[in-house]
């Protein structure tokens, strides 16, 4: 085949595909440009989840005519001048492709006025062509409008998800940026309605409370570490406030939201593994300020990954802060100032260990000299594997389906978690939570199917607030919640109220159940309607009898009788076993009677 030279239009569209996959990429790139322009206020407006309109307004430094004309050219940037600058990036962007790529697949307008200038300029283009620059009026700063995204790349439109999914992604990304930059005020409007608003503040905890909720923020512990090359500000949950998923785990490096690297995921697992249940997760926000020469931000097209020059030292510091705090059983606000010494730089393998040996008496993480953290396991990506249910059962045995006699002999409850029963010459050990959860789950399904769902009316409706991204998910699924008997109404800006819920759920904190469901749906934005329905029911049923609950003999007999009327009695809705059987024959063999 002959080799062809691609047209500039084709080249621009290909480049756009690397930078702009969906509307949220446009929002992220434009907001980052506003931050790099030293804006103290940023407003985002979207229509039809950004497919019809994305407008980003800021009060930053603005551009003059020359810079505006250059701004949409490929590889044109104010962030770097030469290759060496990539080793000490201080800005959010630097590739010089964002505006060019966005303009190539949209109807694109920029209005800008440079600080100190009496008037501004407006640039317009259509699919990256017909560029026109004219004078305009307006306030200092920049307003960028992106309309009809992917109008000239219809194949790309086919890969976009529903409006609710795309909108939720945009809000989640905007939340991350706002959490990373509390000193800047942010607003977002969708279809002319406010979905997000955060006033600027010098207090990170206040910003966390505004975005992730007061209930989450009030339980956070704080630790700071300062060093000539790196400073950490960490907010994290203790042993009594673990979460059902990893949704509230954030990493910010030099005010840039980035993905968790594998070493950090492993670090948190090791730090918390003896403090919270295996199926629970910590909430943690890590703010790292570091010399740009010690990181590489040039390893991902959307700049969502950062590589540290010395991962092991970062691992050690974060591990010891969290582990020692959890071990000490006391949660003060901790601040550590690490004084530099000749033998201690960021590249020293055990930076915090050295510090504790030299300044033990001032080391506020220790409750007393007897509290010493365990040695740190070296992180090895090849060996890193966490099996959620690893080693839970020392011996697995197929639990063959069978019928139970009415005369079940209940022997009792052990360890506050397991029910021991004798029936038909066999000994059964039931996980009381898994068994109760299976019964409630199938009862819920049956009542929905037969339209016989009994409702618990609340005398005083429960009201609650939720994060902007959570509110977007809840609004998109509110009809589904109502169909399943959880009656929710909008009650103001990111606020809702509950008027009734299925009586079979018992005396529960329905607000927490709803927030857990929303969080689970957010984690799987591509779930179909049937999957979301099942997710809601399964999450609601988690409130069944818990490990540690005291259960009467009458309750035990009813639960087991109901369990064996279920279609799938041998696993809970999440796949864990409900029971373990030991036959008389097995016992006799073990005790050498046979």
Protein backbone atom coordinates (compact mmCIF):
# COMPACT_ATOMS: atom_id res chain seq x y z
CA UNK A 1 0.00 0.00 0.00
CA UNK A 2 1.28 3.52 -0.78
CA UNK A 3 2.27 5.79 2.10
CA UNK A 4 0.15 8.94 2.45
CA UNK A 5 0.83 12.21 4.20
CA UNK A 6 -2.15 12.89 6.48
CA UNK A 7 -3.94 16.21 6.26
CA UNK A 8 -3.63 18.62 9.20
CA UNK A 9 -7.37 18.22 9.86
CA UNK A 10 -6.99 14.42 10.20
CA UNK A 11 -3.91 14.83 12.39
CA UNK A 12 -5.82 17.19 14.71
CA UNK A 13 -8.76 14.79 15.03
CA UNK A 14 -6.43 11.90 15.86
CA UNK A 15 -4.69 14.06 18.48
CA UNK A 16 -8.08 15.04 19.88
CA UNK A 17 -8.88 11.37 20.41
CA UNK A 18 -5.86 11.03 22.72
CA UNK A 19 -6.80 14.04 24.88
CA UNK A 20 -10.60 14.31 24.59
CA UNK A 21 -12.45 11.02 25.06
CA UNK A 22 -15.58 12.48 26.62
CA UNK A 23 -17.02 15.75 28.00
CA UNK A 24 -15.30 15.40 31.37
CA UNK A 25 -11.88 15.63 29.63
CA UNK A 26 -12.91 18.99 28.19
CA UNK A 27 -14.06 20.28 31.58
CA UNK A 28 -10.87 19.06 33.27
CA UNK A 29 -8.55 20.64 30.68
CA UNK A 30 -10.37 23.99 30.68
CA UNK A 31 -10.56 24.19 34.48
CA UNK A 32 -6.86 23.36 34.74
CA UNK A 33 -6.14 26.21 32.31
CA UNK A 34 -8.09 28.52 34.64
CA UNK A 35 -6.00 27.38 37.61
CA UNK A 36 -2.80 27.97 35.67
CA UNK A 37 -4.08 31.48 34.88
CA UNK A 38 -4.12 32.18 38.66
CA UNK A 39 -7.92 32.36 38.84
CA UNK A 40 -9.45 32.63 42.31
CA UNK A 41 -12.95 31.82 41.04
CA UNK A 42 -14.00 29.22 38.44
CA UNK A 43 -17.52 28.52 37.16
CA UNK A 44 -18.54 25.62 34.92
CA UNK A 45 -21.84 25.39 33.05
CA UNK A 46 -22.96 22.31 31.11
CA UNK A 47 -25.98 21.34 29.03
CA UNK A 48 -26.92 17.79 28.14
CA UNK A 49 -23.98 16.48 30.18
CA UNK A 50 -21.55 18.63 28.21
CA UNK A 51 -22.54 17.26 24.82
CA UNK A 52 -24.39 20.44 23.84
CA UNK A 53 -22.46 23.01 25.89
CA UNK A 54 -19.48 23.35 28.21
CA UNK A 55 -18.73 26.88 29.41
CA UNK A 56 -15.83 27.60 31.79
CA UNK A 57 -15.47 31.13 33.17
CA UNK A 58 -12.63 32.43 35.34
CA UNK A 59 -11.20 35.65 36.73
CA UNK A 60 -7.62 34.73 35.83
CA UNK A 61 -4.93 36.76 34.09
CA UNK A 62 -6.51 36.51 30.62
CA UNK A 63 -4.71 36.74 27.24
CA UNK A 64 -3.82 39.42 24.75
CA UNK A 65 -4.56 39.06 21.03
CA UNK A 66 -1.23 37.42 20.16
CA UNK A 67 -1.49 34.76 22.88
CA UNK A 68 -5.14 34.08 22.01
CA UNK A 69 -4.26 33.42 18.36
CA UNK A 70 -1.46 31.05 19.39
CA UNK A 71 -3.53 29.26 22.06
CA UNK A 72 -5.34 26.85 19.73
CA UNK A 73 -2.28 25.87 17.70
CA UNK A 74 -0.88 22.39 18.37
CA UNK A 75 2.10 22.29 20.72
CA UNK A 76 1.65 25.95 21.66
CA UNK A 77 1.88 26.48 25.42
CA UNK A 78 2.81 29.07 28.02
CA UNK A 79 3.70 26.35 30.53
CA UNK A 80 7.14 25.28 29.23
CA UNK A 81 9.82 26.61 26.90
CA UNK A 82 12.11 23.62 26.37
CA UNK A 83 12.47 19.91 27.11
CA UNK A 84 14.38 20.52 30.35
CA UNK A 85 11.33 22.30 31.79
CA UNK A 86 9.51 18.94 31.91
CA UNK A 87 11.68 17.96 34.88
CA UNK A 88 10.23 20.69 37.10
CA UNK A 89 6.60 21.20 36.11
CA UNK A 90 4.74 23.63 38.37
CA UNK A 91 1.52 23.90 36.32
CA UNK A 92 -1.51 21.71 35.67
CA UNK A 93 -0.98 21.52 31.91
CA UNK A 94 2.09 21.59 29.70
CA UNK A 95 1.60 19.55 26.52
CA UNK A 96 0.09 22.35 24.45
CA UNK A 97 -2.51 20.08 22.86
CA UNK A 98 -5.68 20.63 24.90
CA UNK A 99 -7.23 23.68 23.25
CA UNK A 100 -6.16 22.56 19.79
CA UNK A 101 -7.70 19.12 20.35
CA UNK A 102 -10.94 20.49 21.84
CA UNK A 103 -11.35 23.04 19.05
CA UNK A 104 -10.85 20.32 16.42
CA UNK A 105 -14.01 18.45 17.50
CA UNK A 106 -16.39 21.26 18.48
CA UNK A 107 -17.75 24.71 17.80
CA UNK A 108 -15.29 26.68 19.87
CA UNK A 109 -15.31 30.24 21.29
CA UNK A 110 -12.96 32.04 23.68
CA UNK A 111 -13.58 35.50 25.13
CA UNK A 112 -10.67 36.91 27.10
CA UNK A 113 -9.44 40.14 28.57
CA UNK A 114 -5.95 40.50 29.98
CA UNK A 115 -5.58 42.10 33.39
CA UNK A 116 -4.92 45.81 33.03
CA UNK A 117 -6.29 46.00 29.47
CA UNK A 118 -9.31 48.19 28.68
CA UNK A 119 -10.91 45.67 26.27
CA UNK A 120 -10.61 42.06 25.24
CA UNK A 121 -10.68 39.68 22.29
CA UNK A 122 -12.89 36.87 21.04
CA UNK A 123 -11.72 33.84 19.06
CA UNK A 124 -14.18 31.60 17.18
CA UNK A 125 -13.62 28.41 15.20
CA UNK A 126 -15.65 25.53 13.81
CA UNK A 127 -14.01 22.12 13.98
CA UNK A 128 -10.64 23.83 14.23
CA UNK A 129 -11.21 25.70 10.95
CA UNK A 130 -12.36 29.21 10.02
CA UNK A 131 -10.54 30.78 12.95
CA UNK A 132 -11.63 34.36 13.53
CA UNK A 133 -10.37 36.84 16.15
CA UNK A 134 -12.24 40.10 16.82
CA UNK A 135 -12.29 42.73 19.61
CA UNK A 136 -14.90 42.31 22.38
CA UNK A 137 -15.92 43.74 25.72
CA UNK A 138 -16.08 41.87 28.99
CA UNK A 139 -14.51 41.56 32.42
CA UNK A 140 -10.94 40.51 33.11
CA UNK A 141 -10.38 36.77 32.76
CA UNK A 142 -11.44 34.14 30.25
CA UNK A 143 -14.71 32.50 29.16
CA UNK A 144 -14.36 29.38 27.01
CA UNK A 145 -17.40 27.85 25.30
CA UNK A 146 -17.43 24.41 23.71
CA UNK A 147 -20.61 23.56 21.80
CA UNK A 148 -21.75 20.45 19.89
CA UNK A 149 -18.86 18.29 21.06
CA UNK A 150 -17.86 15.62 18.49
CA UNK A 151 -20.27 17.04 15.88
CA UNK A 152 -17.71 16.17 13.20
CA UNK A 153 -16.68 12.82 14.71
CA UNK A 154 -20.00 10.93 14.97
CA UNK A 155 -18.22 7.63 15.72
CA UNK A 156 -16.96 9.14 18.99
CA UNK A 157 -20.49 10.09 20.04
CA UNK A 158 -21.57 6.46 19.89
CA UNK A 159 -19.15 5.56 22.69
CA UNK A 160 -20.53 8.13 25.11
CA UNK A 161 -22.72 6.86 27.95
CA UNK A 162 -26.08 8.18 29.11
CA UNK A 163 -26.39 11.83 30.11
CA UNK A 164 -26.65 10.89 33.79
CA UNK A 165 -23.44 8.85 33.61
CA UNK A 166 -21.47 11.50 31.72
CA UNK A 167 -22.78 14.22 34.06
CA UNK A 168 -21.79 12.20 37.11
CA UNK A 169 -18.27 11.78 35.72
CA UNK A 170 -17.93 15.52 35.16
CA UNK A 171 -19.12 16.34 38.68
CA UNK A 172 -16.79 13.73 40.23
CA UNK A 173 -13.81 15.18 38.36
CA UNK A 174 -14.81 18.71 39.36
CA UNK A 175 -15.07 17.61 42.99
CA UNK A 176 -11.52 16.24 42.87
CA UNK A 177 -10.18 19.52 41.50
CA UNK A 178 -12.08 21.50 44.16
CA UNK A 179 -10.75 19.24 46.93
CA UNK A 180 -7.21 19.77 45.63
CA UNK A 181 -7.57 23.58 45.54
CA UNK A 182 -9.52 24.82 48.60
CA UNK A 183 -8.16 28.35 48.18
CA UNK A 184 -10.23 28.75 44.99
CA UNK A 185 -14.03 29.08 44.79
CA UNK A 186 -15.86 26.76 42.40
CA UNK A 187 -19.40 26.61 41.01
CA UNK A 188 -21.09 24.26 38.57
CA UNK A 189 -24.45 24.55 36.82
CA UNK A 190 -26.22 21.83 34.86
CA UNK A 191 -29.24 22.82 32.77
CA UNK A 192 -29.12 26.19 34.60
CA UNK A 193 -29.44 24.51 38.01
CA UNK A 194 -26.71 24.69 40.65
CA UNK A 195 -25.20 21.27 41.30
CA UNK A 196 -22.00 22.32 43.02
CA UNK A 197 -20.81 25.32 45.02
CA UNK A 198 -17.75 25.66 47.23
CA UNK A 199 -16.48 28.95 48.64
CA UNK A 200 -12.73 29.49 48.87
CA UNK A 201 -11.15 28.69 52.21
CA UNK A 202 -7.73 28.27 53.82
CA UNK A 203 -9.01 25.26 55.75
CA UNK A 204 -8.80 21.94 53.86
CA UNK A 205 -11.13 20.25 56.34
CA UNK A 206 -13.79 22.87 55.62
CA UNK A 207 -13.52 22.13 51.88
CA UNK A 208 -13.68 18.37 52.58
CA UNK A 209 -16.81 18.95 54.65
CA UNK A 210 -18.41 21.05 51.89
CA UNK A 211 -17.84 18.39 49.24
CA UNK A 212 -17.79 14.99 50.96
CA UNK A 213 -20.16 15.84 53.79
CA UNK A 214 -20.00 16.91 57.43
CA UNK A 215 -20.55 13.38 58.75
CA UNK A 216 -17.47 12.11 56.89
CA UNK A 217 -15.29 15.12 57.70
CA UNK A 218 -15.99 15.19 61.44
CA UNK A 219 -14.51 11.69 61.89
CA UNK A 220 -11.23 12.40 60.10
CA UNK A 221 -7.85 12.38 61.85
CA UNK A 222 -5.11 14.68 60.61
CA UNK A 223 -1.33 14.36 60.38
CA UNK A 224 1.23 16.68 58.81
CA UNK A 225 4.84 15.99 57.87
CA UNK A 226 7.18 18.76 56.76
CA UNK A 227 10.61 18.30 55.16
CA UNK A 228 12.71 20.47 52.85
CA UNK A 229 11.75 18.41 49.80
CA UNK A 230 8.28 17.16 50.68
CA UNK A 231 5.31 18.10 52.84
CA UNK A 232 2.33 15.84 53.54
CA UNK A 233 -1.07 16.78 54.92
CA UNK A 234 -3.13 13.64 55.52
CA UNK A 235 -6.78 13.30 56.57
CA UNK A 236 -7.89 9.75 57.35
CA UNK A 237 -10.53 7.67 59.11
CA UNK A 238 -9.76 5.67 62.22
CA UNK A 239 -10.58 2.09 63.08
CA UNK A 240 -14.23 2.87 63.93
CA UNK A 241 -15.17 4.76 60.76
CA UNK A 242 -14.30 2.44 57.89
CA UNK A 243 -16.29 2.51 54.64
CA UNK A 244 -17.85 -0.07 52.33
CA UNK A 245 -15.73 0.95 49.31
CA UNK A 246 -12.73 3.03 48.21
CA UNK A 247 -14.75 5.98 46.97
CA UNK A 248 -13.31 8.44 49.51
CA UNK A 249 -9.64 7.80 48.76
CA UNK A 250 -7.90 10.75 47.12
CA UNK A 251 -4.32 11.66 46.28
CA UNK A 252 -3.27 15.21 45.41
CA UNK A 253 0.28 15.96 44.29
CA UNK A 254 1.16 19.66 44.03
CA UNK A 255 -2.58 20.44 43.85
CA UNK A 256 -3.09 17.91 41.05
CA UNK A 257 -5.65 15.09 41.60
CA UNK A 258 -4.00 11.83 40.51
CA UNK A 259 -4.74 8.11 40.60
CA UNK A 260 -3.47 5.94 43.44
CA UNK A 261 -0.27 4.14 42.43
CA UNK A 262 -0.05 0.47 43.36
CA UNK A 263 2.52 1.08 46.08
CA UNK A 264 0.15 3.47 47.88
CA UNK A 265 -2.77 1.02 47.67
CA UNK A 266 -0.51 -1.63 49.20
CA UNK A 267 0.70 0.83 51.84
CA UNK A 268 -2.85 1.56 53.03
CA UNK A 269 -3.74 -2.13 53.02
CA UNK A 270 -0.77 -2.93 55.25
CA UNK A 271 -1.40 0.02 57.57
CA UNK A 272 -5.10 -0.78 58.12
CA UNK A 273 -5.20 -4.56 57.78
CA UNK A 274 -5.25 -5.23 61.53
CA UNK A 275 -7.54 -2.33 62.35
CA UNK A 276 -10.58 -2.70 60.06
CA UNK A 277 -12.49 -5.72 58.66
CA UNK A 278 -11.19 -7.30 55.45
CA UNK A 279 -14.21 -6.11 53.47
CA UNK A 280 -14.05 -2.49 54.69
CA UNK A 281 -11.89 0.39 53.48
CA UNK A 282 -10.45 3.59 54.94
CA UNK A 283 -11.40 7.06 53.82
CA UNK A 284 -8.21 9.05 53.25
CA UNK A 285 -7.14 12.23 51.50
CA UNK A 286 -3.40 12.70 51.01
CA UNK A 287 -2.08 16.12 50.03
CA UNK A 288 1.56 16.00 48.90
CA UNK A 289 3.62 19.07 48.12
CA UNK A 290 6.94 18.03 46.63
CA UNK A 291 9.88 19.38 44.66
CA UNK A 292 8.78 18.92 41.00
CA UNK A 293 12.17 17.42 40.17
CA UNK A 294 11.30 14.48 42.45
CA UNK A 295 8.25 13.43 40.39
CA UNK A 296 7.36 12.67 36.78
CA UNK A 297 3.94 13.94 35.67
CA UNK A 298 4.61 13.21 32.00
CA UNK A 299 3.60 9.53 31.96
CA UNK A 300 -0.12 9.71 31.12
CA UNK A 301 -2.02 11.55 28.33
CA UNK A 302 -4.54 13.04 30.76
CA UNK A 303 -1.92 13.62 33.48
CA UNK A 304 -3.75 11.39 35.99
CA UNK A 305 -0.64 9.48 37.07
CA UNK A 306 2.50 10.63 38.83
CA UNK A 307 5.70 8.67 39.37
CA UNK A 308 7.82 9.41 42.44
CA UNK A 309 11.60 9.25 42.33
CA UNK A 310 11.65 7.55 45.75
CA UNK A 311 8.49 5.52 46.26
CA UNK A 312 9.90 3.57 49.21
CA UNK A 313 10.46 6.67 51.35
CA UNK A 314 6.94 7.91 50.61
CA UNK A 315 5.60 4.45 51.45
CA UNK A 316 7.45 4.41 54.78
CA UNK A 317 6.30 7.87 55.85
CA UNK A 318 2.60 7.32 55.07
CA UNK A 319 2.60 3.80 56.53
CA UNK A 320 4.15 4.85 59.85
CA UNK A 321 1.92 7.89 60.30
CA UNK A 322 -1.27 5.86 59.84
CA UNK A 323 -0.12 2.67 61.57
CA UNK A 324 1.21 4.41 64.67
CA UNK A 325 -1.93 6.51 64.99
CA UNK A 326 -4.16 3.43 64.77
CA UNK A 327 -1.99 1.47 67.23
CA UNK A 328 -1.87 4.31 69.76
CA UNK A 329 -5.69 4.33 70.12
CA UNK A 330 -5.53 8.13 70.42
CA UNK A 331 -6.19 10.47 67.56
CA UNK A 332 -4.62 13.89 68.12
CA UNK A 333 -4.04 16.35 65.34
CA UNK A 334 -0.41 15.59 64.58
CA UNK A 335 2.22 17.89 63.13
CA UNK A 336 5.78 16.72 62.53
CA UNK A 337 8.62 19.00 61.51
CA UNK A 338 11.50 16.92 60.19
CA UNK A 339 14.77 18.82 60.47
CA UNK A 340 17.21 18.00 57.67
CA UNK A 341 20.48 16.32 58.62
CA UNK A 342 23.50 15.36 56.58
CA UNK A 343 22.43 11.75 56.32
CA UNK A 344 18.71 12.35 55.81
CA UNK A 345 17.28 13.38 52.45
CA UNK A 346 14.15 12.33 50.64
CA UNK A 347 16.09 9.43 49.18
CA UNK A 348 16.99 8.01 52.61
CA UNK A 349 15.15 4.63 52.77
CA UNK A 350 13.67 5.02 56.26
CA UNK A 351 13.34 8.76 56.68
CA UNK A 352 10.79 8.70 59.51
CA UNK A 353 12.64 5.92 61.33
CA UNK A 354 15.79 8.04 61.42
CA UNK A 355 13.78 10.92 62.77
CA UNK A 356 12.29 8.91 65.65
CA UNK A 357 15.68 7.65 66.79
CA UNK A 358 17.12 11.19 66.91
CA UNK A 359 14.08 13.00 68.39
CA UNK A 360 12.17 10.30 70.27
CA UNK A 361 11.04 12.59 73.06
CA UNK A 362 9.34 14.97 70.60
CA UNK A 363 7.73 12.31 68.44
CA UNK A 364 4.01 12.97 69.04
CA UNK A 365 2.84 9.89 67.13
CA UNK A 366 3.98 7.65 69.99
CA UNK A 367 1.70 7.15 72.96
CA UNK A 368 4.71 5.97 74.96
CA UNK A 369 8.05 4.31 74.37
CA UNK A 370 6.42 0.87 74.27
CA UNK A 371 4.36 1.67 71.18
CA UNK A 372 6.56 0.78 68.23
CA UNK A 373 5.34 0.15 64.72
CA UNK A 374 5.95 -3.22 63.20
CA UNK A 375 8.67 -3.52 60.50
CA UNK A 376 7.52 -2.40 57.08
CA UNK A 377 7.17 -5.02 54.36
CA UNK A 378 8.99 -3.92 51.25
CA UNK A 379 6.57 -3.27 48.45
CA UNK A 380 6.96 -5.59 45.49
CA UNK A 381 4.44 -5.15 42.64
CA UNK A 382 4.98 -8.73 41.51
CA UNK A 383 3.88 -10.09 44.88
CA UNK A 384 1.02 -7.65 45.37
CA UNK A 385 -2.32 -9.42 45.40
CA UNK A 386 -5.22 -8.94 47.79
CA UNK A 387 -7.87 -11.65 47.73
CA UNK A 388 -10.94 -10.29 49.47
CA UNK A 389 -11.82 -13.68 50.89
CA UNK A 390 -8.33 -15.23 51.14
CA UNK A 391 -7.81 -17.50 54.16
CA UNK A 392 -11.28 -16.79 55.51
CA UNK A 393 -12.11 -20.49 55.43
CA UNK A 394 -9.37 -22.97 56.26
CA UNK A 395 -11.41 -25.75 54.76
CA UNK A 396 -14.13 -25.44 52.12
CA UNK A 397 -16.80 -28.09 51.74
CA UNK A 398 -19.66 -28.20 49.27
CA UNK A 399 -22.91 -27.68 51.12
CA UNK A 400 -25.31 -30.05 49.40
CA UNK A 401 -28.93 -28.91 49.14
CA UNK A 402 -31.23 -30.75 51.51
CA UNK A 403 -34.44 -30.30 53.43
CA UNK A 404 -34.54 -29.64 57.16
CA UNK A 405 -36.79 -31.38 59.68
CA UNK A 406 -39.22 -29.14 61.48
CA UNK A 407 -37.58 -30.29 64.71
CA UNK A 408 -34.36 -28.28 64.46
CA UNK A 409 -32.20 -28.62 67.54
CA UNK A 410 -30.58 -25.26 68.25
CA UNK A 411 -27.39 -25.72 70.27
CA UNK A 412 -26.59 -22.05 70.62
CA UNK A 413 -24.64 -19.06 69.40
CA UNK A 414 -20.82 -18.98 69.44
CA UNK A 415 -18.40 -16.06 69.17
CA UNK A 416 -21.42 -13.79 68.88
CA UNK A 417 -21.46 -14.56 65.16
CA UNK A 418 -22.24 -18.19 64.41
CA UNK A 419 -25.31 -20.33 65.08
CA UNK A 420 -24.79 -24.04 65.84
CA UNK A 421 -27.63 -26.40 64.95
CA UNK A 422 -28.13 -30.16 64.91
CA UNK A 423 -30.46 -31.77 62.36
CA UNK A 424 -30.77 -35.22 60.80
CA UNK A 425 -27.50 -36.43 62.32
CA UNK A 426 -25.50 -33.48 61.01
CA UNK A 427 -23.97 -30.47 62.71
CA UNK A 428 -24.47 -27.11 60.99
CA UNK A 429 -22.67 -23.84 61.69
CA UNK A 430 -24.46 -20.81 60.23
CA UNK A 431 -23.03 -17.34 59.72
CA UNK A 432 -25.95 -15.42 61.23
CA UNK A 433 -25.41 -12.28 59.14
CA UNK A 434 -25.01 -14.12 55.82
CA UNK A 435 -28.06 -16.29 56.53
CA UNK A 436 -30.27 -13.37 57.62
CA UNK A 437 -29.12 -11.35 54.62
CA UNK A 438 -30.11 -14.14 52.18
CA UNK A 439 -33.56 -14.44 53.79
CA UNK A 440 -34.19 -10.69 53.67
CA UNK A 441 -32.92 -10.42 50.10
CA UNK A 442 -35.25 -13.11 48.73
CA UNK A 443 -38.18 -11.82 50.80
CA UNK A 444 -37.60 -8.36 49.30
CA UNK A 445 -37.51 -9.77 45.76
CA UNK A 446 -40.65 -11.82 46.37
CA UNK A 447 -42.64 -8.88 47.76
CA UNK A 448 -41.66 -6.68 44.82
CA UNK A 449 -42.61 -9.40 42.34
CA UNK A 450 -46.01 -9.98 43.95
CA UNK A 451 -46.53 -6.25 44.61
CA UNK A 452 -47.04 -7.00 48.29
CA UNK A 453 -44.24 -4.79 49.68
CA UNK A 454 -45.21 -3.58 53.15
CA UNK A 455 -44.13 -0.01 53.88
CA UNK A 456 -42.81 1.71 57.00
CA UNK A 457 -44.10 5.31 57.01
CA UNK A 458 -41.92 7.86 58.81
CA UNK A 459 -43.83 10.20 61.11
CA UNK A 460 -41.17 12.85 60.50
CA UNK A 461 -39.39 12.52 57.12
CA UNK A 462 -35.61 12.09 57.35
CA UNK A 463 -33.64 14.78 55.52
CA UNK A 464 -30.02 14.46 54.48
CA UNK A 465 -27.35 16.12 52.34
CA UNK A 466 -25.07 14.32 49.90
CA UNK A 467 -22.06 15.25 47.77
CA UNK A 468 -22.75 16.86 44.37
CA UNK A 469 -21.66 13.74 42.46
CA UNK A 470 -23.74 11.55 44.77
CA UNK A 471 -26.73 13.86 44.30
CA UNK A 472 -26.41 13.52 40.52
CA UNK A 473 -26.46 9.72 40.81
CA UNK A 474 -29.39 9.76 43.23
CA UNK A 475 -31.45 12.11 41.02
CA UNK A 476 -30.80 9.87 38.02
CA UNK A 477 -32.01 6.80 39.96
CA UNK A 478 -34.68 8.31 42.22
CA UNK A 479 -37.52 6.70 40.24
CA UNK A 480 -35.86 3.30 40.68
CA UNK A 481 -35.51 3.81 44.44
CA UNK A 482 -39.20 4.72 44.62
CA UNK A 483 -40.20 1.62 42.62
CA UNK A 484 -38.32 -0.46 45.20
CA UNK A 485 -40.21 1.11 48.09
CA UNK A 486 -37.53 3.59 49.21
CA UNK A 487 -39.47 6.82 48.77
CA UNK A 488 -37.14 9.78 48.32
CA UNK A 489 -37.86 13.36 47.30
CA UNK A 490 -35.58 16.23 46.33
CA UNK A 491 -35.48 18.77 49.15
CA UNK A 492 -33.23 21.61 48.03
CA UNK A 493 -29.66 21.93 46.77
CA UNK A 494 -28.11 18.44 46.96
CA UNK A 495 -30.57 17.66 49.77
CA UNK A 496 -33.22 14.93 49.91
CA UNK A 497 -35.82 13.58 52.28
CA UNK A 498 -37.10 10.06 52.93
CA UNK A 499 -40.79 9.56 53.68
CA UNK A 500 -41.03 5.75 53.80
CA UNK A 501 -39.14 2.53 53.17
CA UNK A 502 -39.81 -1.25 53.12
CA UNK A 503 -40.87 -2.52 56.55
CA UNK A 504 -38.83 -5.71 56.10
CA UNK A 505 -35.63 -3.66 56.51
CA UNK A 506 -36.54 -3.21 60.17
CA UNK A 507 -35.27 -0.42 62.40
CA UNK A 508 -32.44 0.91 60.25
CA UNK A 509 -30.64 4.16 59.50
CA UNK A 510 -32.12 4.46 56.03
CA UNK A 511 -30.05 7.56 55.19
CA UNK A 512 -26.80 5.59 55.55
CA UNK A 513 -28.20 2.74 53.45
CA UNK A 514 -29.08 5.17 50.65
CA UNK A 515 -25.63 6.78 50.73
CA UNK A 516 -24.00 3.34 50.56
CA UNK A 517 -26.19 2.38 47.60
CA UNK A 518 -25.35 5.63 45.79
CA UNK A 519 -21.65 5.05 46.40
CA UNK A 520 -21.89 1.50 45.00
CA UNK A 521 -23.73 2.75 41.90
CA UNK A 522 -21.06 5.45 41.40
CA UNK A 523 -18.38 2.76 41.46
CA UNK A 524 -20.11 0.97 38.58
CA UNK A 525 -21.50 3.73 36.37
CA UNK A 526 -21.95 1.34 33.43
CA UNK A 527 -24.38 -0.95 35.26
CA UNK A 528 -27.62 -1.69 33.43
CA UNK A 529 -31.04 -1.11 35.01
CA UNK A 530 -31.37 -4.73 36.19
CA UNK A 531 -27.91 -4.58 37.79
CA UNK A 532 -28.72 -1.30 39.54
CA UNK A 533 -32.00 -2.75 40.82
CA UNK A 534 -30.20 -5.75 42.27
CA UNK A 535 -27.48 -3.52 43.71
CA UNK A 536 -30.05 -1.42 45.57
CA UNK A 537 -31.77 -4.49 47.01
CA UNK A 538 -28.50 -6.16 48.03
CA UNK A 539 -27.20 -2.98 49.68
CA UNK A 540 -30.48 -2.48 51.54
CA UNK A 541 -30.27 -6.01 52.88
CA UNK A 542 -26.82 -5.49 54.40
CA UNK A 543 -28.60 -4.13 57.46
CA UNK A 544 -29.66 -7.65 58.45
CA UNK A 545 -28.60 -9.24 61.74
CA UNK A 546 -24.90 -8.44 62.18
CA UNK A 547 -22.01 -10.38 63.64
CA UNK A 548 -22.09 -9.73 67.38
CA UNK A 549 -25.87 -9.32 67.60
CA UNK A 550 -27.59 -11.42 70.22
CA UNK A 551 -30.23 -13.71 68.68
CA UNK A 552 -32.91 -15.67 70.58
CA UNK A 553 -33.62 -19.37 69.99
CA UNK A 554 -37.02 -18.52 68.49
CA UNK A 555 -35.40 -16.07 66.06
CA UNK A 556 -32.76 -18.65 65.15
CA UNK A 557 -35.34 -21.36 64.34
CA UNK A 558 -37.38 -18.99 62.20
CA UNK A 559 -34.31 -17.68 60.36
CA UNK A 560 -33.05 -21.16 59.50
CA UNK A 561 -36.51 -22.35 58.51
CA UNK A 562 -36.86 -19.33 56.21
CA UNK A 563 -33.34 -19.81 54.87
CA UNK A 564 -34.15 -23.28 53.55
CA UNK A 565 -37.22 -21.93 51.79
CA UNK A 566 -34.95 -19.64 49.74
CA UNK A 567 -34.01 -20.41 46.15
CA UNK A 568 -30.29 -20.07 46.95
CA UNK A 569 -29.90 -20.82 50.67
CA UNK A 570 -26.17 -21.60 50.69
CA UNK A 571 -24.72 -18.18 49.89
CA UNK A 572 -25.54 -14.64 50.89
CA UNK A 573 -26.43 -12.15 48.10
CA UNK A 574 -22.74 -11.18 47.90
CA UNK A 575 -21.51 -14.74 47.38
CA UNK A 576 -20.26 -15.68 50.86
CA UNK A 577 -21.27 -19.08 52.32
CA UNK A 578 -24.15 -19.09 54.78
CA UNK A 579 -23.42 -22.42 56.45
CA UNK A 580 -20.91 -25.18 57.07
CA UNK A 581 -21.87 -28.82 57.58
CA UNK A 582 -20.07 -31.52 59.57
CA UNK A 583 -21.55 -34.98 59.44
CA UNK A 584 -21.55 -37.48 62.29
CA UNK A 585 -19.44 -39.76 60.09
CA UNK A 586 -16.74 -37.07 59.77
CA UNK A 587 -16.66 -36.53 63.53
CA UNK A 588 -16.36 -40.26 64.23
CA UNK A 589 -13.50 -40.57 61.76
CA UNK A 590 -11.73 -37.58 63.32
CA UNK A 591 -12.02 -39.03 66.84
CA UNK A 592 -10.91 -42.50 65.57
CA UNK A 593 -14.23 -44.12 66.34
CA UNK A 594 -14.25 -45.53 62.79
